[in-house]
Amino acid sequence: MEKDADNMRSFDMDALRTNLPQNRRGLSRYYSGKSRSFTCMTEVHCVEDLKKQEHPDAKKRKKYSDRKGIQIQPTPCRRVSSTTQCAAPYIGV
């Protein structure tokens, strides 16, 4: 029983993954990495054209633009009872 438990702990999924077939389609058969989008493949003249250009400042802009200028005060969450939602008070009857 202990031997089976030791075998289960030492089972390695990497060996199984390496034997699985790779189903790659399109450009991923020939190029791995982030690639640009093209409307027509005739625009591609070499492998370097496929490579997506990096814009390091874009990540910073996106990170800070979401928070800039928005100042929302935190409000406590509270549950509204169903009696106050459905029935209005009768006054003067």
N, C-alpha and C. Protein backbone atom coordinates (compact mmCIF):
# COMPACT_ATOMS: atom_id res chain seq x y z
N MET A 1 0.82 -1.18 0.00
CA MET A 1 0.00 0.00 0.00
C MET A 1 0.87 1.26 0.00
N GLU A 2 1.92 1.28 0.82
CA GLU A 2 2.81 2.44 0.87
C GLU A 2 3.56 2.59 -0.44
N LYS A 3 3.86 1.48 -1.08
CA LYS A 3 4.60 1.52 -2.35
C LYS A 3 3.75 2.20 -3.43
N ASP A 4 2.45 1.90 -3.46
CA ASP A 4 1.56 2.54 -4.42
C ASP A 4 1.46 4.04 -4.17
N ALA A 5 1.42 4.43 -2.90
CA ALA A 5 1.33 5.85 -2.55
C ALA A 5 2.60 6.58 -2.98
N ASP A 6 3.76 5.95 -2.81
CA ASP A 6 5.02 6.56 -3.24
C ASP A 6 5.06 6.71 -4.76
N ASN A 7 4.55 5.71 -5.48
CA ASN A 7 4.52 5.80 -6.94
C ASN A 7 3.62 6.93 -7.42
N MET A 8 2.51 7.14 -6.75
CA MET A 8 1.60 8.21 -7.14
C MET A 8 2.21 9.59 -6.89
N ARG A 9 2.98 9.72 -5.81
CA ARG A 9 3.62 11.00 -5.51
C ARG A 9 4.73 11.31 -6.49
N SER A 10 5.43 10.29 -6.98
CA SER A 10 6.57 10.52 -7.85
C SER A 10 6.20 10.52 -9.34
N PHE A 11 4.91 10.39 -9.66
CA PHE A 11 4.48 10.39 -11.06
C PHE A 11 4.72 11.77 -11.66
N ASP A 12 5.38 11.81 -12.79
CA ASP A 12 5.74 13.07 -13.42
C ASP A 12 4.92 13.27 -14.69
N MET A 13 4.17 14.35 -14.76
CA MET A 13 3.34 14.64 -15.93
C MET A 13 4.17 15.12 -17.12
N ASP A 14 5.38 15.62 -16.87
CA ASP A 14 6.20 16.13 -17.97
C ASP A 14 6.54 15.04 -18.99
N ALA A 15 6.78 13.84 -18.50
CA ALA A 15 7.09 12.74 -19.42
C ALA A 15 5.89 12.45 -20.31
N LEU A 16 4.71 12.57 -19.77
CA LEU A 16 3.50 12.34 -20.55
C LEU A 16 3.27 13.46 -21.56
N ARG A 17 3.53 14.70 -21.16
CA ARG A 17 3.33 15.84 -22.05
C ARG A 17 4.27 15.81 -23.25
N THR A 18 5.48 15.34 -23.06
CA THR A 18 6.44 15.34 -24.17
C THR A 18 6.03 14.35 -25.25
N ASN A 19 5.26 13.34 -24.91
CA ASN A 19 4.84 12.35 -25.89
C ASN A 19 3.52 12.69 -26.57
N LEU A 20 2.84 13.74 -26.12
CA LEU A 20 1.59 14.13 -26.74
C LEU A 20 1.85 14.84 -28.07
N PRO A 21 1.00 14.64 -29.06
CA PRO A 21 1.21 15.33 -30.34
C PRO A 21 0.90 16.81 -30.22
N GLN A 22 1.62 17.61 -30.97
CA GLN A 22 1.40 19.05 -31.00
C GLN A 22 0.51 19.39 -32.18
N ASN A 23 -0.68 19.89 -31.91
CA ASN A 23 -1.59 20.30 -32.97
C ASN A 23 -1.41 21.79 -33.20
N ARG A 24 -0.56 22.14 -34.12
CA ARG A 24 -0.31 23.54 -34.43
C ARG A 24 -0.87 23.83 -35.81
N ARG A 25 -1.49 25.00 -35.92
CA ARG A 25 -2.06 25.39 -37.19
C ARG A 25 -1.51 26.75 -37.59
N GLY A 26 -1.60 27.06 -38.87
CA GLY A 26 -1.22 28.37 -39.37
C GLY A 26 0.25 28.68 -39.18
N LEU A 27 0.51 29.93 -38.79
CA LEU A 27 1.89 30.38 -38.64
C LEU A 27 2.60 29.71 -37.48
N SER A 28 1.85 29.23 -36.50
CA SER A 28 2.49 28.64 -35.32
C SER A 28 3.26 27.37 -35.67
N ARG A 29 3.01 26.80 -36.83
CA ARG A 29 3.83 25.66 -37.26
C ARG A 29 5.26 26.09 -37.54
N TYR A 30 5.43 27.31 -37.98
CA TYR A 30 6.73 27.78 -38.42
C TYR A 30 7.34 28.84 -37.52
N TYR A 31 6.51 29.48 -36.72
CA TYR A 31 6.99 30.60 -35.91
C TYR A 31 6.39 30.49 -34.52
N SER A 32 7.24 30.55 -33.50
CA SER A 32 6.74 30.54 -32.12
C SER A 32 7.05 31.90 -31.51
N GLY A 33 6.09 32.47 -30.86
CA GLY A 33 6.23 33.79 -30.28
C GLY A 33 5.05 34.65 -30.68
N LYS A 34 5.05 35.89 -30.23
CA LYS A 34 3.95 36.79 -30.58
C LYS A 34 4.17 37.31 -32.00
N SER A 35 3.13 37.24 -32.80
CA SER A 35 3.25 37.69 -34.18
C SER A 35 2.24 38.79 -34.45
N ARG A 36 2.57 39.62 -35.44
CA ARG A 36 1.69 40.70 -35.85
C ARG A 36 0.52 40.16 -36.64
N SER A 37 -0.50 40.98 -36.81
CA SER A 37 -1.63 40.62 -37.66
C SER A 37 -1.42 41.24 -39.04
N PHE A 38 -1.76 40.49 -40.05
CA PHE A 38 -1.62 40.96 -41.42
C PHE A 38 -2.95 40.79 -42.14
N THR A 39 -3.27 41.74 -43.00
CA THR A 39 -4.47 41.59 -43.83
C THR A 39 -4.18 40.68 -45.01
N CYS A 40 -2.94 40.65 -45.43
CA CYS A 40 -2.56 39.80 -46.56
C CYS A 40 -1.15 39.28 -46.31
N MET A 41 -0.93 38.01 -46.55
CA MET A 41 0.38 37.41 -46.29
C MET A 41 1.43 37.87 -47.30
N THR A 42 1.03 38.54 -48.37
CA THR A 42 2.03 39.05 -49.32
C THR A 42 2.82 40.20 -48.72
N GLU A 43 2.33 40.78 -47.62
CA GLU A 43 3.05 41.85 -46.93
C GLU A 43 4.26 41.32 -46.17
N VAL A 44 4.31 40.02 -45.94
CA VAL A 44 5.41 39.40 -45.20
C VAL A 44 6.51 39.02 -46.18
N HIS A 45 7.71 39.56 -45.94
CA HIS A 45 8.83 39.26 -46.83
C HIS A 45 9.87 38.38 -46.16
N CYS A 46 9.95 38.43 -44.84
CA CYS A 46 10.91 37.59 -44.12
C CYS A 46 10.34 37.28 -42.73
N VAL A 47 11.05 36.45 -41.99
CA VAL A 47 10.59 36.04 -40.66
C VAL A 47 10.53 37.23 -39.70
N GLU A 48 11.42 38.18 -39.87
CA GLU A 48 11.44 39.36 -38.99
C GLU A 48 10.17 40.19 -39.13
N ASP A 49 9.50 40.12 -40.27
CA ASP A 49 8.24 40.84 -40.45
C ASP A 49 7.13 40.27 -39.58
N LEU A 50 7.22 38.98 -39.26
CA LEU A 50 6.20 38.34 -38.44
C LEU A 50 6.24 38.79 -36.99
N LYS A 51 7.42 39.15 -36.53
CA LYS A 51 7.61 39.47 -35.13
C LYS A 51 6.80 40.70 -34.73
N LYS A 52 6.11 40.60 -33.61
CA LYS A 52 5.30 41.70 -33.11
C LYS A 52 6.21 42.73 -32.46
N GLN A 53 6.02 43.99 -32.82
CA GLN A 53 6.85 45.05 -32.26
C GLN A 53 6.42 45.33 -30.83
N GLU A 54 7.40 45.54 -29.97
CA GLU A 54 7.11 45.81 -28.56
C GLU A 54 7.08 47.31 -28.31
N HIS A 55 6.14 47.73 -27.50
CA HIS A 55 6.03 49.11 -27.06
C HIS A 55 6.08 49.10 -25.54
N PRO A 56 7.26 49.27 -24.95
CA PRO A 56 7.38 49.14 -23.49
C PRO A 56 6.59 50.20 -22.72
N ASP A 57 6.39 51.38 -23.31
CA ASP A 57 5.64 52.42 -22.61
C ASP A 57 4.15 52.15 -22.59
N ALA A 58 3.66 51.34 -23.52
CA ALA A 58 2.23 51.07 -23.60
C ALA A 58 1.72 50.36 -22.35
N LYS A 59 2.52 49.47 -21.80
CA LYS A 59 2.12 48.77 -20.59
C LYS A 59 1.98 49.74 -19.42
N LYS A 60 2.92 50.67 -19.33
CA LYS A 60 2.86 51.65 -18.25
C LYS A 60 1.65 52.57 -18.41
N ARG A 61 1.40 53.01 -19.65
CA ARG A 61 0.25 53.89 -19.89
C ARG A 61 -1.05 53.20 -19.52
N LYS A 62 -1.18 51.96 -19.92
CA LYS A 62 -2.41 51.23 -19.65
C LYS A 62 -2.59 51.03 -18.14
N LYS A 63 -1.49 50.76 -17.46
CA LYS A 63 -1.55 50.49 -16.03
C LYS A 63 -2.05 51.71 -15.26
N TYR A 64 -1.58 52.89 -15.64
CA TYR A 64 -1.92 54.09 -14.88
C TYR A 64 -3.11 54.85 -15.44
N SER A 65 -3.48 54.63 -16.68
CA SER A 65 -4.59 55.39 -17.26
C SER A 65 -5.93 54.97 -16.67
N ASP A 66 -6.04 53.75 -16.23
CA ASP A 66 -7.30 53.29 -15.64
C ASP A 66 -7.59 53.99 -14.32
N ARG A 67 -6.57 54.31 -13.57
CA ARG A 67 -6.76 54.89 -12.24
C ARG A 67 -6.77 56.42 -12.26
N LYS A 68 -6.24 57.01 -13.30
CA LYS A 68 -6.05 58.45 -13.34
C LYS A 68 -7.38 59.19 -13.45
N GLY A 69 -7.62 60.14 -12.57
CA GLY A 69 -8.79 61.00 -12.65
C GLY A 69 -10.06 60.41 -12.08
N ILE A 70 -10.07 59.18 -11.71
CA ILE A 70 -11.27 58.58 -11.16
C ILE A 70 -11.12 58.51 -9.65
N GLN A 71 -12.00 59.23 -8.96
CA GLN A 71 -11.97 59.22 -7.51
C GLN A 71 -13.34 58.83 -7.00
N ILE A 72 -13.52 57.59 -6.72
CA ILE A 72 -14.79 57.08 -6.23
C ILE A 72 -14.63 56.77 -4.75
N GLN A 73 -15.52 57.35 -3.97
CA GLN A 73 -15.47 57.09 -2.54
C GLN A 73 -16.02 55.70 -2.26
N PRO A 74 -15.35 54.94 -1.44
CA PRO A 74 -15.86 53.61 -1.12
C PRO A 74 -17.14 53.71 -0.29
N THR A 75 -18.15 52.97 -0.67
CA THR A 75 -19.40 52.95 0.07
C THR A 75 -19.57 51.59 0.70
N PRO A 76 -20.06 51.56 1.92
CA PRO A 76 -20.24 50.27 2.56
C PRO A 76 -21.38 49.50 1.90
N CYS A 77 -21.21 48.23 1.80
CA CYS A 77 -22.25 47.38 1.23
C CYS A 77 -23.26 47.05 2.32
N ARG A 78 -24.51 47.26 2.03
CA ARG A 78 -25.54 46.87 2.98
C ARG A 78 -26.72 46.33 2.20
N ARG A 79 -27.42 45.47 2.82
CA ARG A 79 -28.55 44.82 2.18
C ARG A 79 -29.84 45.56 2.53
N VAL A 80 -30.64 45.82 1.52
CA VAL A 80 -31.91 46.50 1.73
C VAL A 80 -32.95 45.43 2.01
N SER A 81 -33.72 45.64 3.08
CA SER A 81 -34.72 44.63 3.42
C SER A 81 -35.85 44.65 2.40
N SER A 82 -36.48 43.52 2.20
CA SER A 82 -37.52 43.40 1.19
C SER A 82 -38.78 44.18 1.57
N THR A 83 -39.03 44.43 2.85
CA THR A 83 -40.24 45.15 3.25
C THR A 83 -40.17 46.62 2.84
N THR A 84 -39.00 47.22 2.87
CA THR A 84 -38.89 48.62 2.48
C THR A 84 -38.93 48.78 0.98
N GLN A 85 -38.58 47.77 0.24
CA GLN A 85 -38.61 47.86 -1.21
C GLN A 85 -40.04 47.77 -1.74
N CYS A 86 -40.87 46.92 -1.18
CA CYS A 86 -42.18 46.63 -1.74
C CYS A 86 -43.28 47.56 -1.24
N ALA A 87 -43.27 47.89 0.01
CA ALA A 87 -44.41 48.61 0.58
C ALA A 87 -44.00 50.02 0.98
N ALA A 88 -44.75 50.99 0.49
CA ALA A 88 -44.54 52.37 0.90
C ALA A 88 -45.40 52.62 2.15
N PRO A 89 -44.93 53.42 3.08
CA PRO A 89 -45.72 53.65 4.29
C PRO A 89 -46.99 54.45 3.98
N TYR A 90 -48.07 54.11 4.67
CA TYR A 90 -49.36 54.81 4.55
C TYR A 90 -49.38 55.92 5.58
N ILE A 91 -49.45 57.13 5.13
CA ILE A 91 -49.47 58.27 6.06
C ILE A 91 -50.80 59.00 5.91
N GLY A 92 -51.42 59.33 7.03
CA GLY A 92 -52.64 60.13 7.02
C GLY A 92 -53.91 59.35 6.77
N VAL A 93 -53.95 58.09 7.08
CA VAL A 93 -55.18 57.32 6.89
C VAL A 93 -55.86 57.13 8.20
